């Protein structure tokens, strides 16, 4: 893969992953009760614990997107526009 294509690739990865994160959050908000009832059958979860776990996972996914995709994208954009010494 051509190194010049990495910033564009990472940009589209970030857009796709943020879209997936947004879709998951919207599904969580819209279908909270059915998802809670389903998971309550499998695990002994209170509603507060279910919500806390979901928000933890959303947060971890968001941090992973930043660390693994957005920060490398910004570094590559910075390096590309910085003259070499």
Protein backbone atom coordinates (compact mmCIF):
# COMPACT_ATOMS: atom_id res chain seq x y z
CA UNK A 1 0.00 0.00 0.00
CA UNK A 2 1.27 3.43 -0.93
CA UNK A 3 2.21 5.39 2.23
CA UNK A 4 0.49 8.47 0.82
CA UNK A 5 -2.85 6.64 1.06
CA UNK A 6 -2.65 6.00 4.82
CA UNK A 7 -4.16 9.33 5.93
CA UNK A 8 -7.18 8.86 3.66
CA UNK A 9 -7.57 5.27 4.82
CA UNK A 10 -7.44 6.27 8.48
CA UNK A 11 -9.87 9.13 7.88
CA UNK A 12 -12.44 6.75 6.40
CA UNK A 13 -11.82 4.24 9.19
CA UNK A 14 -12.55 6.98 11.73
CA UNK A 15 -15.72 8.06 9.93
CA UNK A 16 -16.94 4.46 9.69
CA UNK A 17 -16.15 3.70 13.35
CA UNK A 18 -17.78 6.89 14.63
CA UNK A 19 -20.83 6.04 12.53
CA UNK A 20 -20.88 2.59 14.09
CA UNK A 21 -20.53 4.12 17.55
CA UNK A 22 -23.40 6.53 16.85
CA UNK A 23 -25.57 3.74 15.46
CA UNK A 24 -24.91 1.62 18.56
CA UNK A 25 -25.73 4.51 20.88
CA UNK A 26 -28.95 5.33 19.02
CA UNK A 27 -29.96 1.65 19.13
CA UNK A 28 -29.17 1.59 22.86
CA UNK A 29 -31.33 4.64 23.50
CA UNK A 30 -34.21 3.52 21.28
CA UNK A 31 -34.27 -0.13 22.33
CA UNK A 32 -33.09 0.17 25.91
CA UNK A 33 -35.92 -1.80 27.52
CA UNK A 34 -35.94 -4.75 25.08
CA UNK A 35 -32.15 -5.04 25.30
CA UNK A 36 -32.27 -4.85 29.08
CA UNK A 37 -34.97 -7.53 29.30
CA UNK A 38 -32.97 -9.80 26.99
CA UNK A 39 -29.76 -9.42 28.98
CA UNK A 40 -31.59 -9.71 32.29
CA UNK A 41 -32.65 -13.22 31.24
CA UNK A 42 -29.04 -14.26 30.74
CA UNK A 43 -27.38 -12.35 33.57
CA UNK A 44 -28.49 -11.03 36.94
CA UNK A 45 -28.21 -7.34 36.09
CA UNK A 46 -29.87 -4.31 37.58
CA UNK A 47 -30.88 -1.53 35.20
CA UNK A 48 -28.20 0.74 36.66
CA UNK A 49 -25.49 -1.89 36.15
CA UNK A 50 -26.69 -2.54 32.60
CA UNK A 51 -26.53 1.18 31.79
CA UNK A 52 -23.12 1.59 33.42
CA UNK A 53 -21.72 -1.36 31.48
CA UNK A 54 -23.10 -0.04 28.20
CA UNK A 55 -21.68 3.44 28.78
CA UNK A 56 -18.33 1.91 29.77
CA UNK A 57 -18.20 -0.04 26.52
CA UNK A 58 -19.20 3.01 24.47
CA UNK A 59 -16.46 4.99 26.20
CA UNK A 60 -13.81 2.33 25.67
CA UNK A 61 -14.74 2.06 22.01
CA UNK A 62 -14.49 5.83 21.64
CA UNK A 63 -11.07 5.89 23.32
CA UNK A 64 -9.91 3.04 21.05
CA UNK A 65 -11.01 5.00 17.98
CA UNK A 66 -9.02 8.01 19.17
CA UNK A 67 -5.89 6.09 20.11
CA UNK A 68 -5.80 3.66 17.20
CA UNK A 69 -7.20 5.74 14.34
CA UNK A 70 -7.54 9.49 14.92
CA UNK A 71 -4.19 10.13 16.63
CA UNK A 72 -2.22 8.24 13.94
CA UNK A 73 -4.19 10.15 11.29
CA UNK A 74 -3.29 13.49 12.89
CA UNK A 75 0.37 12.48 13.21
CA UNK A 76 0.54 11.44 9.57
CA UNK A 77 -1.08 14.71 8.50
CA UNK A 78 1.37 16.67 10.66
CA UNK A 79 4.41 14.76 9.37
CA UNK A 80 3.25 15.12 5.78
CA UNK A 81 3.13 18.91 6.10
CA UNK A 82 6.33 19.29 8.12
CA UNK A 83 9.54 19.82 6.14
CA UNK A 84 12.23 17.27 6.90
CA UNK A 85 15.44 18.53 8.44
